[in-house]
Amino acid sequence: MWPDLLRALALVLVIEGLMPFLAPERWREMMLRLSDVDGRSLRVFGGVLIGVGVLLLQFIH
C-alpha cells in the first residue's frame, strides 16, 4: 500500500509541476487570480475535485 501511495504522490508532483515549467507567466497570472477568490469558493472547488478524483479512482479500480 505505501509504495502505491508514494507513487501517486510523486505523480501529483509531476503533474503539478507541468504548468510552472511549461508556461510560468500564465501560471503566475492564474495564481494571482486565485488569490482573489474567497475561501468558501476555493473550499467548494477543492471538495468537487476530491469527489471527482475518488469517483475516477473507483471507476479505474
N, C-alpha and C. Protein backbone atom coordinates (compact mmCIF):
# COMPACT_ATOMS: atom_id res chain seq x y z
N MET A 1 0.82 -1.19 0.00
CA MET A 1 0.00 0.00 0.00
C MET A 1 0.87 1.26 0.00
N TRP A 2 1.90 1.35 0.84
CA TRP A 2 2.73 2.55 0.92
C TRP A 2 3.45 2.86 -0.38
N PRO A 3 4.00 1.86 -1.07
CA PRO A 3 4.64 2.19 -2.35
C PRO A 3 3.66 2.80 -3.36
N ASP A 4 2.42 2.30 -3.38
CA ASP A 4 1.42 2.86 -4.28
C ASP A 4 1.09 4.30 -3.91
N LEU A 5 0.99 4.57 -2.62
CA LEU A 5 0.70 5.93 -2.17
C LEU A 5 1.84 6.87 -2.54
N LEU A 6 3.06 6.43 -2.37
CA LEU A 6 4.21 7.26 -2.73
C LEU A 6 4.28 7.49 -4.23
N ARG A 7 3.94 6.47 -5.02
CA ARG A 7 3.90 6.66 -6.48
C ARG A 7 2.84 7.69 -6.87
N ALA A 8 1.68 7.59 -6.22
CA ALA A 8 0.60 8.53 -6.52
C ALA A 8 1.01 9.95 -6.16
N LEU A 9 1.65 10.13 -5.01
CA LEU A 9 2.10 11.46 -4.62
C LEU A 9 3.18 11.99 -5.56
N ALA A 10 4.07 11.12 -6.00
CA ALA A 10 5.10 11.53 -6.95
C ALA A 10 4.45 11.96 -8.27
N LEU A 11 3.43 11.26 -8.72
CA LEU A 11 2.73 11.62 -9.94
C LEU A 11 2.03 12.97 -9.79
N VAL A 12 1.46 13.23 -8.63
CA VAL A 12 0.85 14.53 -8.37
C VAL A 12 1.89 15.64 -8.49
N LEU A 13 3.07 15.42 -7.93
CA LEU A 13 4.13 16.42 -8.03
C LEU A 13 4.54 16.67 -9.48
N VAL A 14 4.62 15.62 -10.26
CA VAL A 14 4.97 15.78 -11.68
C VAL A 14 3.89 16.59 -12.39
N ILE A 15 2.64 16.24 -12.17
CA ILE A 15 1.53 16.94 -12.84
C ILE A 15 1.46 18.39 -12.38
N GLU A 16 1.62 18.63 -11.08
CA GLU A 16 1.59 20.00 -10.56
C GLU A 16 2.74 20.84 -11.10
N GLY A 17 3.84 20.23 -11.41
CA GLY A 17 5.00 20.97 -11.90
C GLY A 17 4.95 21.28 -13.38
N LEU A 18 4.03 20.69 -14.11
CA LEU A 18 3.98 20.90 -15.56
C LEU A 18 3.69 22.35 -15.94
N MET A 19 2.68 22.95 -15.34
CA MET A 19 2.31 24.32 -15.72
C MET A 19 3.40 25.34 -15.40
N PRO A 20 3.96 25.34 -14.19
CA PRO A 20 5.03 26.32 -13.95
C PRO A 20 6.24 26.10 -14.85
N PHE A 21 6.47 24.86 -15.26
CA PHE A 21 7.61 24.57 -16.13
C PHE A 21 7.32 25.00 -17.57
N LEU A 22 6.12 24.68 -18.08
CA LEU A 22 5.81 24.94 -19.49
C LEU A 22 5.36 26.37 -19.76
N ALA A 23 4.61 26.96 -18.82
CA ALA A 23 4.08 28.32 -19.04
C ALA A 23 4.12 29.10 -17.73
N PRO A 24 5.31 29.51 -17.31
CA PRO A 24 5.42 30.15 -15.99
C PRO A 24 4.64 31.45 -15.85
N GLU A 25 4.58 32.25 -16.91
CA GLU A 25 3.85 33.52 -16.81
C GLU A 25 2.34 33.30 -16.68
N ARG A 26 1.80 32.38 -17.45
CA ARG A 26 0.36 32.08 -17.35
C ARG A 26 0.04 31.48 -15.99
N TRP A 27 0.93 30.64 -15.49
CA TRP A 27 0.73 30.02 -14.18
C TRP A 27 0.71 31.10 -13.10
N ARG A 28 1.63 32.05 -13.19
CA ARG A 28 1.67 33.15 -12.21
C ARG A 28 0.39 33.96 -12.25
N GLU A 29 -0.09 34.28 -13.46
CA GLU A 29 -1.35 35.03 -13.59
C GLU A 29 -2.51 34.26 -12.97
N MET A 30 -2.55 32.95 -13.20
CA MET A 30 -3.62 32.13 -12.64
C MET A 30 -3.56 32.13 -11.11
N MET A 31 -2.36 32.04 -10.55
CA MET A 31 -2.20 32.07 -9.10
C MET A 31 -2.64 33.42 -8.52
N LEU A 32 -2.33 34.50 -9.22
CA LEU A 32 -2.77 35.82 -8.76
C LEU A 32 -4.29 35.93 -8.79
N ARG A 33 -4.91 35.40 -9.81
CA ARG A 33 -6.38 35.43 -9.88
C ARG A 33 -6.99 34.58 -8.78
N LEU A 34 -6.38 33.44 -8.50
CA LEU A 34 -6.90 32.57 -7.44
C LEU A 34 -6.79 33.22 -6.07
N SER A 35 -5.81 34.10 -5.89
CA SER A 35 -5.67 34.77 -4.60
C SER A 35 -6.83 35.73 -4.34
N ASP A 36 -7.56 36.12 -5.37
CA ASP A 36 -8.72 36.99 -5.21
C ASP A 36 -10.01 36.23 -4.93
N VAL A 37 -10.01 34.93 -5.10
CA VAL A 37 -11.22 34.12 -4.88
C VAL A 37 -11.40 33.90 -3.39
N ASP A 38 -12.65 33.99 -2.93
CA ASP A 38 -12.90 33.83 -1.50
C ASP A 38 -12.68 32.37 -1.07
N GLY A 39 -12.41 32.19 0.21
CA GLY A 39 -12.08 30.87 0.76
C GLY A 39 -13.17 29.84 0.58
N ARG A 40 -14.42 30.26 0.70
CA ARG A 40 -15.53 29.30 0.57
C ARG A 40 -15.57 28.71 -0.83
N SER A 41 -15.39 29.54 -1.84
CA SER A 41 -15.40 29.05 -3.22
C SER A 41 -14.24 28.08 -3.47
N LEU A 42 -13.07 28.42 -2.94
CA LEU A 42 -11.93 27.52 -3.10
C LEU A 42 -12.18 26.18 -2.40
N ARG A 43 -12.80 26.24 -1.22
CA ARG A 43 -13.11 25.01 -0.49
C ARG A 43 -14.10 24.14 -1.27
N VAL A 44 -15.12 24.76 -1.83
CA VAL A 44 -16.09 24.00 -2.63
C VAL A 44 -15.42 23.40 -3.85
N PHE A 45 -14.58 24.18 -4.53
CA PHE A 45 -13.87 23.68 -5.70
C PHE A 45 -12.97 22.51 -5.32
N GLY A 46 -12.25 22.64 -4.21
CA GLY A 46 -11.40 21.55 -3.74
C GLY A 46 -12.21 20.30 -3.41
N GLY A 47 -13.37 20.48 -2.79
CA GLY A 47 -14.23 19.34 -2.49
C GLY A 47 -14.73 18.64 -3.74
N VAL A 48 -15.08 19.43 -4.74
CA VAL A 48 -15.52 18.85 -6.01
C VAL A 48 -14.37 18.05 -6.65
N LEU A 49 -13.17 18.61 -6.63
CA LEU A 49 -12.02 17.90 -7.19
C LEU A 49 -11.76 16.60 -6.44
N ILE A 50 -11.86 16.63 -5.13
CA ILE A 50 -11.67 15.41 -4.35
C ILE A 50 -12.72 14.37 -4.73
N GLY A 51 -13.97 14.80 -4.83
CA GLY A 51 -15.04 13.88 -5.20
C GLY A 51 -14.85 13.27 -6.57
N VAL A 52 -14.48 14.09 -7.54
CA VAL A 52 -14.22 13.59 -8.89
C VAL A 52 -13.05 12.61 -8.88
N GLY A 53 -12.01 12.95 -8.12
CA GLY A 53 -10.85 12.06 -8.03
C GLY A 53 -11.20 10.72 -7.42
N VAL A 54 -11.99 10.72 -6.36
CA VAL A 54 -12.41 9.47 -5.73
C VAL A 54 -13.26 8.65 -6.68
N LEU A 55 -14.19 9.28 -7.36
CA LEU A 55 -15.03 8.56 -8.33
C LEU A 55 -14.19 7.98 -9.46
N LEU A 56 -13.22 8.76 -9.95
CA LEU A 56 -12.36 8.28 -11.01
C LEU A 56 -11.52 7.07 -10.55
N LEU A 57 -11.01 7.14 -9.32
CA LEU A 57 -10.26 6.00 -8.78
C LEU A 57 -11.13 4.76 -8.67
N GLN A 58 -12.37 4.95 -8.23
CA GLN A 58 -13.29 3.81 -8.14
C GLN A 58 -13.60 3.23 -9.51
N PHE A 59 -13.78 4.12 -10.48
CA PHE A 59 -14.07 3.66 -11.84
C PHE A 59 -12.91 2.88 -12.43
N ILE A 60 -11.68 3.37 -12.19
CA ILE A 60 -10.49 2.71 -12.72
C ILE A 60 -10.27 1.37 -12.05
N HIS A 61 -10.51 1.34 -10.74
CA HIS A 61 -10.24 0.12 -9.97
C HIS A 61 -11.33 -0.89 -10.26
